[in-house]
Amino acid sequence: MKLRDGFRQGTEPFMKLRDGFRQGTEPFLKLQDGFRQGTEPFMKLRDGFRQGTEPFLPLQRGFRQGTEPFYSFIQRAKVACQGEIINNKCYEFNPTPLSFKDAQAKCRTLAPHAELASVTSGDLHSHLISLVTKGGKKSPVLTWLGATVTNQEASWVDGSEWGFSDWMPGHPNIHTDKPVCVEMFELDNSRWTTANCDLKRASICTYMIPT
């Protein structure tokens, strides 16, 4: 009697299948993710594709192979001085009347560390007088300098040493604990006086020129 296809009673001779051969009836065992036993076909990944299991090899500093993302670095733009450059610092005259505090804020729109101007020498003072009057071609206006006076003691807001002054006679003569601010060109005189910091004056800003 002929046995039906696929039936075995156990007495037939056993024929071993050659390595790698499967006839379709064997159970299939799935390998764990990421496990390879060496007989699987190798499929090359497309250029630039990473699945996350590959080892990472850093490139040498400064080396680019062309597939890396490119990051541009923003360089700080150089500030163009619209006034006069003295000792690598820009001095700009602002004719718009502003309070002392608002004049300081206006200076910082020109450069991050700009301040109202400190006057540390007679030569610098002469240059600033010329800047305000455009070399004597324009009438002077009341102008803030970068100094305040508290309890009869004057100081520059940018921390410069107080080594020069050009006070009008009788100034500063302050009889209040409230700080007052330093101005020049009271009655068209370039010598310095003090005034309430909330009053509006023209101003002179200064900042270092980026190198």
N, C-alpha and C. Protein backbone atom coordinates (compact mmCIF):
# COMPACT_ATOMS: atom_id res chain seq x y z
N MET A 1 0.85 -1.20 0.00
CA MET A 1 0.00 0.00 0.00
C MET A 1 0.87 1.23 0.00
N LYS A 2 0.56 2.14 -0.88
CA LYS A 2 1.36 3.37 -0.99
C LYS A 2 1.00 4.34 0.13
N LEU A 3 2.04 4.89 0.80
CA LEU A 3 1.79 5.88 1.84
C LEU A 3 1.48 7.23 1.20
N ARG A 4 0.64 7.97 1.89
CA ARG A 4 0.33 9.29 1.34
C ARG A 4 1.55 10.22 1.45
N ASP A 5 1.55 11.21 0.60
CA ASP A 5 2.69 12.13 0.55
C ASP A 5 2.95 12.77 1.90
N GLY A 6 4.27 12.81 2.27
CA GLY A 6 4.65 13.49 3.51
C GLY A 6 4.53 12.62 4.73
N PHE A 7 4.02 11.35 4.61
CA PHE A 7 3.85 10.50 5.78
C PHE A 7 5.09 9.64 5.98
N ARG A 8 5.56 9.57 7.25
CA ARG A 8 6.71 8.73 7.59
C ARG A 8 6.31 7.86 8.77
N GLN A 9 6.64 6.51 8.69
CA GLN A 9 6.31 5.63 9.81
C GLN A 9 7.50 5.34 10.72
N GLY A 10 8.73 5.87 10.35
CA GLY A 10 9.86 5.75 11.26
C GLY A 10 10.87 4.71 10.89
N THR A 11 10.58 3.88 9.88
CA THR A 11 11.54 2.83 9.50
C THR A 11 12.29 3.19 8.23
N GLU A 12 11.90 4.31 7.60
CA GLU A 12 12.55 4.69 6.36
C GLU A 12 13.95 5.23 6.67
N PRO A 13 14.85 5.07 5.73
CA PRO A 13 16.19 5.66 5.92
C PRO A 13 16.09 7.20 5.95
N PHE A 14 16.97 7.81 6.79
CA PHE A 14 16.96 9.27 6.96
C PHE A 14 18.01 9.88 6.04
N MET A 15 17.61 10.81 5.23
CA MET A 15 18.54 11.49 4.33
C MET A 15 18.75 12.91 4.83
N LYS A 16 19.99 13.22 5.15
CA LYS A 16 20.33 14.56 5.66
C LYS A 16 20.30 15.56 4.51
N LEU A 17 19.69 16.72 4.77
CA LEU A 17 19.68 17.78 3.77
C LEU A 17 21.02 18.50 3.76
N ARG A 18 21.44 18.95 2.60
CA ARG A 18 22.70 19.69 2.52
C ARG A 18 22.57 21.06 3.22
N ASP A 19 23.70 21.56 3.67
CA ASP A 19 23.72 22.83 4.42
C ASP A 19 23.06 23.95 3.62
N GLY A 20 22.23 24.68 4.30
CA GLY A 20 21.61 25.85 3.69
C GLY A 20 20.35 25.52 2.90
N PHE A 21 20.01 24.22 2.77
CA PHE A 21 18.84 23.85 1.97
C PHE A 21 17.61 23.75 2.85
N ARG A 22 16.54 24.35 2.42
CA ARG A 22 15.26 24.28 3.13
C ARG A 22 14.18 23.84 2.14
N GLN A 23 13.31 22.85 2.57
CA GLN A 23 12.27 22.38 1.66
C GLN A 23 10.92 23.01 1.92
N GLY A 24 10.85 23.88 3.00
CA GLY A 24 9.62 24.63 3.21
C GLY A 24 8.77 24.16 4.35
N THR A 25 9.07 22.95 4.89
CA THR A 25 8.23 22.44 5.98
C THR A 25 8.90 22.61 7.33
N GLU A 26 10.15 23.12 7.33
CA GLU A 26 10.86 23.27 8.62
C GLU A 26 10.29 24.46 9.39
N PRO A 27 10.31 24.35 10.72
CA PRO A 27 9.88 25.53 11.51
C PRO A 27 10.86 26.68 11.31
N PHE A 28 10.35 27.89 11.38
CA PHE A 28 11.17 29.08 11.17
C PHE A 28 11.44 29.75 12.52
N LEU A 29 12.71 29.92 12.82
CA LEU A 29 13.10 30.58 14.06
C LEU A 29 13.62 31.97 13.73
N LYS A 30 12.94 32.99 14.23
CA LYS A 30 13.36 34.37 13.97
C LYS A 30 14.54 34.73 14.86
N LEU A 31 15.54 35.36 14.28
CA LEU A 31 16.71 35.79 15.04
C LEU A 31 16.37 37.05 15.83
N GLN A 32 17.04 37.23 16.98
CA GLN A 32 16.86 38.45 17.75
C GLN A 32 17.32 39.66 16.93
N ASP A 33 16.68 40.80 17.21
CA ASP A 33 17.07 42.01 16.51
C ASP A 33 18.56 42.29 16.68
N GLY A 34 19.22 42.58 15.59
CA GLY A 34 20.63 42.93 15.63
C GLY A 34 21.58 41.73 15.65
N PHE A 35 21.03 40.48 15.68
CA PHE A 35 21.89 39.29 15.73
C PHE A 35 22.11 38.75 14.32
N ARG A 36 23.35 38.46 14.01
CA ARG A 36 23.69 37.87 12.72
C ARG A 36 24.54 36.63 12.97
N GLN A 37 24.20 35.46 12.29
CA GLN A 37 24.98 34.24 12.48
C GLN A 37 26.01 34.01 11.38
N GLY A 38 26.02 34.94 10.38
CA GLY A 38 27.07 34.86 9.38
C GLY A 38 26.64 34.31 8.04
N THR A 39 25.42 33.70 7.97
CA THR A 39 24.99 33.11 6.70
C THR A 39 23.98 34.00 5.96
N GLU A 40 23.55 35.11 6.65
CA GLU A 40 22.56 35.96 6.01
C GLU A 40 23.21 36.76 4.89
N PRO A 41 22.43 37.06 3.86
CA PRO A 41 22.99 37.92 2.80
C PRO A 41 23.24 39.32 3.33
N PHE A 42 24.26 39.96 2.83
CA PHE A 42 24.64 41.31 3.28
C PHE A 42 24.06 42.34 2.32
N MET A 43 23.31 43.26 2.88
CA MET A 43 22.73 44.32 2.07
C MET A 43 23.39 45.63 2.46
N LYS A 44 24.03 46.27 1.52
CA LYS A 44 24.72 47.53 1.76
C LYS A 44 23.71 48.66 1.93
N LEU A 45 23.91 49.50 2.97
CA LEU A 45 23.04 50.65 3.17
C LEU A 45 23.40 51.74 2.18
N ARG A 46 22.41 52.52 1.80
CA ARG A 46 22.70 53.60 0.87
C ARG A 46 23.56 54.67 1.53
N ASP A 47 24.29 55.40 0.73
CA ASP A 47 25.22 56.41 1.24
C ASP A 47 24.50 57.41 2.13
N GLY A 48 25.12 57.69 3.27
CA GLY A 48 24.58 58.70 4.17
C GLY A 48 23.50 58.20 5.10
N PHE A 49 23.08 56.89 4.99
CA PHE A 49 22.02 56.37 5.83
C PHE A 49 22.60 55.65 7.03
N ARG A 50 22.09 55.95 8.21
CA ARG A 50 22.51 55.27 9.43
C ARG A 50 21.28 54.76 10.14
N GLN A 51 21.30 53.47 10.60
CA GLN A 51 20.14 52.92 11.29
C GLN A 51 20.29 52.96 12.81
N GLY A 52 21.46 53.40 13.29
CA GLY A 52 21.62 53.60 14.72
C GLY A 52 22.47 52.56 15.41
N THR A 53 22.78 51.44 14.72
CA THR A 53 23.58 50.39 15.37
C THR A 53 25.03 50.42 14.91
N GLU A 54 25.34 51.29 13.93
CA GLU A 54 26.70 51.34 13.43
C GLU A 54 27.62 52.04 14.43
N PRO A 55 28.88 51.63 14.50
CA PRO A 55 29.82 52.37 15.34
C PRO A 55 30.06 53.76 14.77
N PHE A 56 30.29 54.73 15.66
CA PHE A 56 30.51 56.11 15.24
C PHE A 56 31.99 56.42 15.26
N LEU A 57 32.52 56.85 14.13
CA LEU A 57 33.93 57.22 14.04
C LEU A 57 34.01 58.72 13.82
N PRO A 58 34.53 59.46 14.82
CA PRO A 58 34.65 60.91 14.63
C PRO A 58 35.69 61.26 13.58
N LEU A 59 35.42 62.30 12.79
CA LEU A 59 36.38 62.75 11.80
C LEU A 59 37.44 63.61 12.46
N GLN A 60 38.60 63.67 11.87
CA GLN A 60 39.64 64.55 12.37
C GLN A 60 39.15 65.99 12.33
N ARG A 61 39.66 66.80 13.29
CA ARG A 61 39.27 68.20 13.36
C ARG A 61 39.60 68.91 12.04
N GLY A 62 38.64 69.60 11.49
CA GLY A 62 38.86 70.35 10.27
C GLY A 62 38.63 69.56 8.99
N PHE A 63 38.37 68.21 9.11
CA PHE A 63 38.16 67.38 7.92
C PHE A 63 36.67 67.28 7.62
N ARG A 64 36.30 67.47 6.37
CA ARG A 64 34.93 67.32 5.92
C ARG A 64 34.90 66.45 4.69
N GLN A 65 33.97 65.45 4.68
CA GLN A 65 33.90 64.57 3.52
C GLN A 65 32.80 64.98 2.54
N GLY A 66 32.02 65.99 2.93
CA GLY A 66 31.04 66.52 1.99
C GLY A 66 29.61 66.15 2.29
N THR A 67 29.38 65.17 3.20
CA THR A 67 28.00 64.77 3.50
C THR A 67 27.52 65.34 4.82
N GLU A 68 28.41 66.02 5.58
CA GLU A 68 28.01 66.55 6.87
C GLU A 68 27.14 67.80 6.69
N PRO A 69 26.21 68.02 7.64
CA PRO A 69 25.46 69.28 7.57
C PRO A 69 26.39 70.44 7.79
N PHE A 70 26.13 71.55 7.15
CA PHE A 70 27.00 72.72 7.23
C PHE A 70 26.37 73.75 8.15
N TYR A 71 27.12 74.18 9.14
CA TYR A 71 26.65 75.21 10.06
C TYR A 71 27.47 76.47 9.83
N SER A 72 26.81 77.54 9.48
CA SER A 72 27.53 78.79 9.29
C SER A 72 27.66 79.51 10.62
N PHE A 73 28.75 80.22 10.82
CA PHE A 73 28.99 80.97 12.03
C PHE A 73 28.81 82.45 11.71
N ILE A 74 27.97 83.11 12.50
CA ILE A 74 27.68 84.52 12.27
C ILE A 74 28.81 85.34 12.88
N GLN A 75 29.48 86.11 12.09
CA GLN A 75 30.52 86.97 12.58
C GLN A 75 29.91 88.30 13.03
N ARG A 76 30.43 88.80 14.14
CA ARG A 76 29.92 90.08 14.64
C ARG A 76 30.27 91.19 13.66
N ALA A 77 29.26 91.89 13.24
CA ALA A 77 29.49 92.96 12.28
C ALA A 77 30.25 94.10 12.92
N LYS A 78 31.16 94.68 12.18
CA LYS A 78 31.91 95.82 12.68
C LYS A 78 31.02 97.07 12.66
N VAL A 79 31.15 97.84 13.72
CA VAL A 79 30.35 99.05 13.84
C VAL A 79 31.02 100.17 13.06
N ALA A 80 30.24 100.88 12.26
CA ALA A 80 30.78 102.01 11.49
C ALA A 80 30.59 103.27 12.31
N CYS A 81 31.68 103.90 12.69
CA CYS A 81 31.62 105.11 13.51
C CYS A 81 31.07 106.27 12.69
N GLN A 82 30.04 106.93 13.21
CA GLN A 82 29.43 108.07 12.53
C GLN A 82 29.89 109.41 13.12
N GLY A 83 30.93 109.35 13.98
CA GLY A 83 31.43 110.56 14.59
C GLY A 83 32.92 110.70 14.39
N GLU A 84 33.66 110.78 15.49
CA GLU A 84 35.11 110.95 15.43
C GLU A 84 35.78 109.83 16.20
N ILE A 85 36.83 109.25 15.63
CA ILE A 85 37.57 108.19 16.30
C ILE A 85 38.78 108.81 16.99
N ILE A 86 38.88 108.60 18.31
CA ILE A 86 39.99 109.11 19.11
C ILE A 86 40.49 107.97 19.99
N ASN A 87 41.78 107.64 19.84
CA ASN A 87 42.39 106.56 20.64
C ASN A 87 41.58 105.26 20.53
N ASN A 88 41.21 104.91 19.31
CA ASN A 88 40.49 103.67 19.01
C ASN A 88 39.08 103.61 19.63
N LYS A 89 38.54 104.77 20.01
CA LYS A 89 37.17 104.85 20.50
C LYS A 89 36.39 105.80 19.60
N CYS A 90 35.15 105.42 19.36
CA CYS A 90 34.27 106.26 18.55
C CYS A 90 33.47 107.19 19.47
N TYR A 91 33.39 108.46 19.08
CA TYR A 91 32.58 109.44 19.80
C TYR A 91 31.53 109.98 18.82
N GLU A 92 30.26 109.81 19.20
CA GLU A 92 29.16 110.25 18.34
C GLU A 92 28.27 111.23 19.09
N PHE A 93 27.96 112.33 18.43
CA PHE A 93 27.07 113.35 19.00
C PHE A 93 25.63 113.07 18.60
N ASN A 94 24.74 113.06 19.60
CA ASN A 94 23.31 112.85 19.34
C ASN A 94 22.57 114.15 19.69
N PRO A 95 22.09 114.89 18.70
CA PRO A 95 21.45 116.18 18.97
C PRO A 95 20.04 116.09 19.54
N THR A 96 19.45 114.89 19.55
CA THR A 96 18.08 114.73 20.04
C THR A 96 18.03 114.92 21.55
N PRO A 97 17.20 115.81 22.07
CA PRO A 97 17.11 116.01 23.52
C PRO A 97 16.50 114.78 24.21
N LEU A 98 17.23 114.25 25.18
CA LEU A 98 16.79 113.08 25.94
C LEU A 98 17.18 113.25 27.40
N SER A 99 16.46 112.55 28.30
CA SER A 99 16.89 112.52 29.69
C SER A 99 18.21 111.76 29.77
N PHE A 100 18.90 111.89 30.89
CA PHE A 100 20.20 111.23 31.04
C PHE A 100 20.05 109.71 30.86
N LYS A 101 19.03 109.12 31.49
CA LYS A 101 18.81 107.68 31.40
C LYS A 101 18.48 107.25 29.97
N ASP A 102 17.64 108.02 29.30
CA ASP A 102 17.28 107.68 27.92
C ASP A 102 18.46 107.88 26.97
N ALA A 103 19.29 108.86 27.28
CA ALA A 103 20.48 109.07 26.46
C ALA A 103 21.44 107.89 26.59
N GLN A 104 21.57 107.34 27.81
CA GLN A 104 22.38 106.13 28.00
C GLN A 104 21.83 104.97 27.17
N ALA A 105 20.51 104.78 27.22
CA ALA A 105 19.88 103.70 26.46
C ALA A 105 20.09 103.88 24.97
N LYS A 106 20.03 105.13 24.51
CA LYS A 106 20.26 105.40 23.09
C LYS A 106 21.69 105.03 22.69
N CYS A 107 22.65 105.30 23.57
CA CYS A 107 24.04 104.94 23.27
C CYS A 107 24.17 103.44 23.03
N ARG A 108 23.47 102.63 23.81
CA ARG A 108 23.63 101.18 23.72
C ARG A 108 22.97 100.59 22.49
N THR A 109 22.22 101.41 21.75
CA THR A 109 21.72 100.94 20.46
C THR A 109 22.81 101.05 19.39
N LEU A 110 23.86 101.81 19.69
CA LEU A 110 24.97 101.96 18.74
C LEU A 110 25.96 100.81 18.84
N ALA A 111 26.21 100.35 20.07
CA ALA A 111 27.14 99.25 20.33
C ALA A 111 26.81 98.69 21.72
N PRO A 112 27.07 97.39 21.96
CA PRO A 112 26.66 96.75 23.22
C PRO A 112 27.18 97.43 24.48
N HIS A 113 28.43 97.93 24.45
CA HIS A 113 29.03 98.50 25.66
C HIS A 113 29.21 100.02 25.56
N ALA A 114 28.42 100.66 24.73
CA ALA A 114 28.53 102.11 24.58
C ALA A 114 28.03 102.81 25.84
N GLU A 115 28.63 103.96 26.15
CA GLU A 115 28.25 104.77 27.30
C GLU A 115 28.26 106.24 26.90
N LEU A 116 27.66 107.06 27.74
CA LEU A 116 27.84 108.49 27.59
C LEU A 116 29.32 108.81 27.84
N ALA A 117 29.84 109.79 27.14
CA ALA A 117 31.28 110.01 27.08
C ALA A 117 31.85 110.51 28.41
N SER A 118 32.96 109.89 28.82
CA SER A 118 33.77 110.43 29.90
C SER A 118 34.86 111.29 29.28
N VAL A 119 35.25 112.36 29.97
CA VAL A 119 36.25 113.30 29.45
C VAL A 119 37.46 113.25 30.39
N THR A 120 38.53 112.62 29.94
CA THR A 120 39.66 112.34 30.82
C THR A 120 40.88 113.21 30.54
N SER A 121 40.78 114.12 29.58
CA SER A 121 41.91 115.00 29.29
C SER A 121 41.42 116.26 28.60
N GLY A 122 42.24 117.32 28.65
CA GLY A 122 41.89 118.57 27.99
C GLY A 122 41.85 118.42 26.49
N ASP A 123 42.72 117.59 25.95
CA ASP A 123 42.74 117.38 24.50
C ASP A 123 41.45 116.72 24.04
N LEU A 124 40.99 115.71 24.78
CA LEU A 124 39.73 115.05 24.44
C LEU A 124 38.58 116.03 24.57
N HIS A 125 38.60 116.86 25.59
CA HIS A 125 37.54 117.85 25.79
C HIS A 125 37.45 118.78 24.59
N SER A 126 38.58 119.21 24.07
CA SER A 126 38.59 120.09 22.90
C SER A 126 37.98 119.40 21.69
N HIS A 127 38.29 118.12 21.51
CA HIS A 127 37.73 117.36 20.38
C HIS A 127 36.20 117.26 20.51
N LEU A 128 35.70 117.05 21.74
CA LEU A 128 34.26 116.89 21.92
C LEU A 128 33.53 118.22 21.71
N ILE A 129 34.16 119.32 22.11
CA ILE A 129 33.57 120.64 21.84
C ILE A 129 33.42 120.83 20.33
N SER A 130 34.46 120.46 19.59
CA SER A 130 34.42 120.59 18.13
C SER A 130 33.37 119.67 17.53
N LEU A 131 33.21 118.46 18.13
CA LEU A 131 32.21 117.51 17.63
C LEU A 131 30.79 118.08 17.78
N VAL A 132 30.52 118.69 18.93
CA VAL A 132 29.18 119.25 19.18
C VAL A 132 28.90 120.44 18.28
N THR A 133 29.91 121.28 18.06
CA THR A 133 29.71 122.51 17.28
C THR A 133 30.10 122.35 15.81
N LYS A 134 30.45 121.11 15.43
CA LYS A 134 30.89 120.85 14.06
C LYS A 134 32.05 121.78 13.69
N GLY A 135 33.01 121.84 14.59
CA GLY A 135 34.18 122.66 14.35
C GLY A 135 33.90 124.14 14.46
N GLY A 136 32.85 124.52 15.22
CA GLY A 136 32.52 125.92 15.39
C GLY A 136 31.55 126.45 14.36
N LYS A 137 31.07 125.60 13.49
CA LYS A 137 30.13 126.04 12.44
C LYS A 137 28.68 126.07 12.93
N LYS A 138 28.40 125.41 14.07
CA LYS A 138 27.03 125.39 14.59
C LYS A 138 27.04 125.90 16.02
N SER A 139 25.92 126.45 16.43
CA SER A 139 25.80 126.93 17.80
C SER A 139 25.74 125.73 18.75
N PRO A 140 26.42 125.78 19.90
CA PRO A 140 26.39 124.66 20.84
C PRO A 140 25.03 124.52 21.50
N VAL A 141 24.70 123.32 21.94
CA VAL A 141 23.46 123.06 22.66
C VAL A 141 23.83 122.36 23.96
N LEU A 142 22.95 122.47 24.95
CA LEU A 142 23.17 121.78 26.22
C LEU A 142 23.35 120.28 25.96
N THR A 143 24.44 119.72 26.48
CA THR A 143 24.83 118.35 26.12
C THR A 143 25.26 117.57 27.36
N TRP A 144 24.67 116.38 27.52
CA TRP A 144 25.07 115.50 28.63
C TRP A 144 26.47 114.93 28.38
N LEU A 145 27.27 114.91 29.45
CA LEU A 145 28.48 114.10 29.49
C LEU A 145 28.19 112.89 30.38
N GLY A 146 29.06 111.91 30.37
CA GLY A 146 28.78 110.67 31.10
C GLY A 146 29.21 110.70 32.55
N ALA A 147 28.75 111.71 33.31
CA ALA A 147 29.14 111.83 34.71
C ALA A 147 27.94 112.20 35.56
N THR A 148 27.98 111.79 36.83
CA THR A 148 26.97 112.18 37.81
C THR A 148 27.69 112.71 39.05
N VAL A 149 26.95 113.46 39.84
CA VAL A 149 27.49 114.00 41.09
C VAL A 149 26.55 113.60 42.22
N THR A 150 27.11 112.94 43.24
CA THR A 150 26.34 112.53 44.42
C THR A 150 27.10 113.00 45.66
N ASN A 151 26.42 113.74 46.54
CA ASN A 151 27.06 114.25 47.76
C ASN A 151 28.36 114.98 47.44
N GLN A 152 28.30 115.83 46.45
CA GLN A 152 29.43 116.69 46.06
C GLN A 152 30.58 115.93 45.41
N GLU A 153 30.40 114.64 45.15
CA GLU A 153 31.47 113.85 44.55
C GLU A 153 31.06 113.40 43.14
N ALA A 154 31.90 113.73 42.16
CA ALA A 154 31.61 113.41 40.76
C ALA A 154 32.28 112.11 40.35
N SER A 155 31.65 111.38 39.44
CA SER A 155 32.24 110.13 38.92
C SER A 155 31.73 109.88 37.51
N TRP A 156 32.56 109.20 36.72
CA TRP A 156 32.18 108.83 35.36
C TRP A 156 31.40 107.52 35.40
N VAL A 157 30.32 107.44 34.63
CA VAL A 157 29.46 106.24 34.67
C VAL A 157 30.15 105.01 34.08
N ASP A 158 31.18 105.21 33.23
CA ASP A 158 31.86 104.05 32.66
C ASP A 158 33.02 103.57 33.52
N GLY A 159 33.19 104.19 34.70
CA GLY A 159 34.24 103.76 35.62
C GLY A 159 35.60 104.38 35.38
N SER A 160 35.72 105.32 34.43
CA SER A 160 37.00 105.97 34.18
C SER A 160 37.45 106.76 35.40
N GLU A 161 38.76 106.87 35.55
CA GLU A 161 39.30 107.63 36.68
C GLU A 161 39.03 109.12 36.48
N TRP A 162 38.65 109.79 37.58
CA TRP A 162 38.36 111.22 37.51
C TRP A 162 39.68 111.99 37.65
N GLY A 163 40.28 112.37 36.52
CA GLY A 163 41.55 113.06 36.57
C GLY A 163 41.54 114.40 35.87
N PHE A 164 40.39 114.75 35.27
CA PHE A 164 40.27 116.03 34.56
C PHE A 164 38.87 116.57 34.78
N SER A 165 38.75 117.87 34.90
CA SER A 165 37.44 118.51 35.00
C SER A 165 37.56 119.95 34.47
N ASP A 166 36.43 120.52 34.10
CA ASP A 166 36.41 121.89 33.59
C ASP A 166 35.13 122.57 34.08
N TRP A 167 34.99 122.62 35.41
CA TRP A 167 33.78 123.15 36.01
C TRP A 167 33.67 124.67 35.82
N MET A 168 32.45 125.10 35.59
CA MET A 168 32.17 126.53 35.63
C MET A 168 32.32 126.99 37.08
N PRO A 169 32.81 128.20 37.30
CA PRO A 169 32.99 128.67 38.68
C PRO A 169 31.73 128.50 39.51
N GLY A 170 31.92 127.98 40.74
CA GLY A 170 30.79 127.75 41.65
C GLY A 170 30.17 126.38 41.54
N HIS A 171 30.64 125.58 40.60
CA HIS A 171 30.09 124.22 40.41
C HIS A 171 31.18 123.18 40.70
N PRO A 172 30.78 121.97 41.10
CA PRO A 172 29.39 121.62 41.47
C PRO A 172 29.09 122.08 42.89
N ASN A 173 27.96 122.63 43.08
CA ASN A 173 27.53 123.13 44.39
C ASN A 173 26.15 122.55 44.65
N ILE A 174 26.12 121.31 45.11
CA ILE A 174 24.88 120.53 45.19
C ILE A 174 24.42 120.47 46.64
N HIS A 175 23.17 120.77 46.88
CA HIS A 175 22.62 120.72 48.23
C HIS A 175 21.43 119.75 48.28
N THR A 176 21.63 118.59 47.70
CA THR A 176 20.60 117.56 47.72
C THR A 176 21.28 116.20 47.69
N ASP A 177 20.62 115.19 48.29
CA ASP A 177 21.17 113.82 48.27
C ASP A 177 20.87 113.13 46.94
N LYS A 178 19.97 113.71 46.16
CA LYS A 178 19.63 113.10 44.87
C LYS A 178 20.75 113.34 43.86
N PRO A 179 21.20 112.30 43.14
CA PRO A 179 22.26 112.50 42.14
C PRO A 179 21.82 113.48 41.06
N VAL A 180 22.77 114.28 40.60
CA VAL A 180 22.54 115.18 39.47
C VAL A 180 23.53 114.80 38.38
N CYS A 181 23.29 115.27 37.17
CA CYS A 181 24.10 114.86 36.03
C CYS A 181 24.88 116.04 35.47
N VAL A 182 25.98 115.71 34.78
CA VAL A 182 26.90 116.73 34.30
C VAL A 182 26.60 117.08 32.85
N GLU A 183 26.54 118.39 32.58
CA GLU A 183 26.28 118.88 31.23
C GLU A 183 27.32 119.95 30.87
N MET A 184 27.39 120.27 29.60
CA MET A 184 28.22 121.40 29.18
C MET A 184 27.42 122.26 28.19
N PHE A 185 27.92 123.47 28.00
CA PHE A 185 27.30 124.48 27.13
C PHE A 185 26.11 125.18 27.76
N GLU A 186 26.14 125.33 29.09
CA GLU A 186 25.19 126.24 29.73
C GLU A 186 25.57 127.67 29.32
N LEU A 187 24.62 128.41 28.77
CA LEU A 187 24.86 129.77 28.26
C LEU A 187 25.98 129.78 27.22
N ASP A 188 26.00 128.73 26.38
CA ASP A 188 26.99 128.58 25.29
C ASP A 188 28.42 128.46 25.80
N ASN A 189 28.57 128.15 27.08
CA ASN A 189 29.91 128.00 27.67
C ASN A 189 30.24 126.52 27.74
N SER A 190 31.43 126.16 27.24
CA SER A 190 31.80 124.75 27.20
C SER A 190 32.18 124.19 28.56
N ARG A 191 32.28 125.03 29.58
CA ARG A 191 32.62 124.55 30.91
C ARG A 191 31.41 123.82 31.51
N TRP A 192 31.66 123.00 32.52
CA TRP A 192 30.65 122.06 32.99
C TRP A 192 29.80 122.62 34.11
N THR A 193 28.53 122.20 34.10
CA THR A 193 27.59 122.49 35.19
C THR A 193 26.83 121.21 35.49
N THR A 194 25.94 121.27 36.47
CA THR A 194 25.10 120.11 36.79
C THR A 194 23.64 120.46 36.58
N ALA A 195 22.82 119.42 36.35
CA ALA A 195 21.39 119.64 36.13
C ALA A 195 20.63 118.39 36.55
N ASN A 196 19.34 118.58 36.78
CA ASN A 196 18.45 117.45 37.09
C ASN A 196 18.54 116.42 35.95
N CYS A 197 18.77 115.16 36.29
CA CYS A 197 18.98 114.12 35.27
C CYS A 197 17.75 113.85 34.42
N ASP A 198 16.57 114.31 34.87
CA ASP A 198 15.35 114.08 34.10
C ASP A 198 15.16 115.13 32.99
N LEU A 199 15.94 116.20 33.04
CA LEU A 199 15.85 117.19 31.97
C LEU A 199 16.37 116.60 30.67
N LYS A 200 15.96 117.19 29.56
CA LYS A 200 16.34 116.64 28.25
C LYS A 200 17.46 117.47 27.63
N ARG A 201 18.50 116.75 27.22
CA ARG A 201 19.68 117.38 26.64
C ARG A 201 20.14 116.55 25.43
N ALA A 202 20.98 117.17 24.60
CA ALA A 202 21.72 116.39 23.60
C ALA A 202 22.75 115.54 24.36
N SER A 203 23.49 114.69 23.66
CA SER A 203 24.43 113.81 24.37
C SER A 203 25.55 113.36 23.45
N ILE A 204 26.61 112.84 24.07
CA ILE A 204 27.74 112.28 23.33
C ILE A 204 27.94 110.84 23.79
N CYS A 205 27.92 109.91 22.84
CA CYS A 205 28.14 108.49 23.13
C CYS A 205 29.55 108.09 22.73
N THR A 206 30.07 107.08 23.42
CA THR A 206 31.39 106.58 23.07
C THR A 206 31.43 105.06 23.22
N TYR A 207 32.23 104.40 22.37
CA TYR A 207 32.41 102.94 22.46
C TYR A 207 33.71 102.57 21.74
N MET A 208 34.25 101.43 22.15
CA MET A 208 35.48 100.94 21.53
C MET A 208 35.18 100.47 20.10
N ILE A 209 36.13 100.70 19.20
CA ILE A 209 36.00 100.22 17.82
C ILE A 209 36.43 98.76 17.78
N PRO A 210 35.57 97.81 17.30
CA PRO A 210 35.97 96.40 17.23
C PRO A 210 37.18 96.24 16.31
N THR A 211 38.10 95.37 16.73
CA THR A 211 39.29 95.11 15.93
C THR A 211 39.15 93.81 15.18
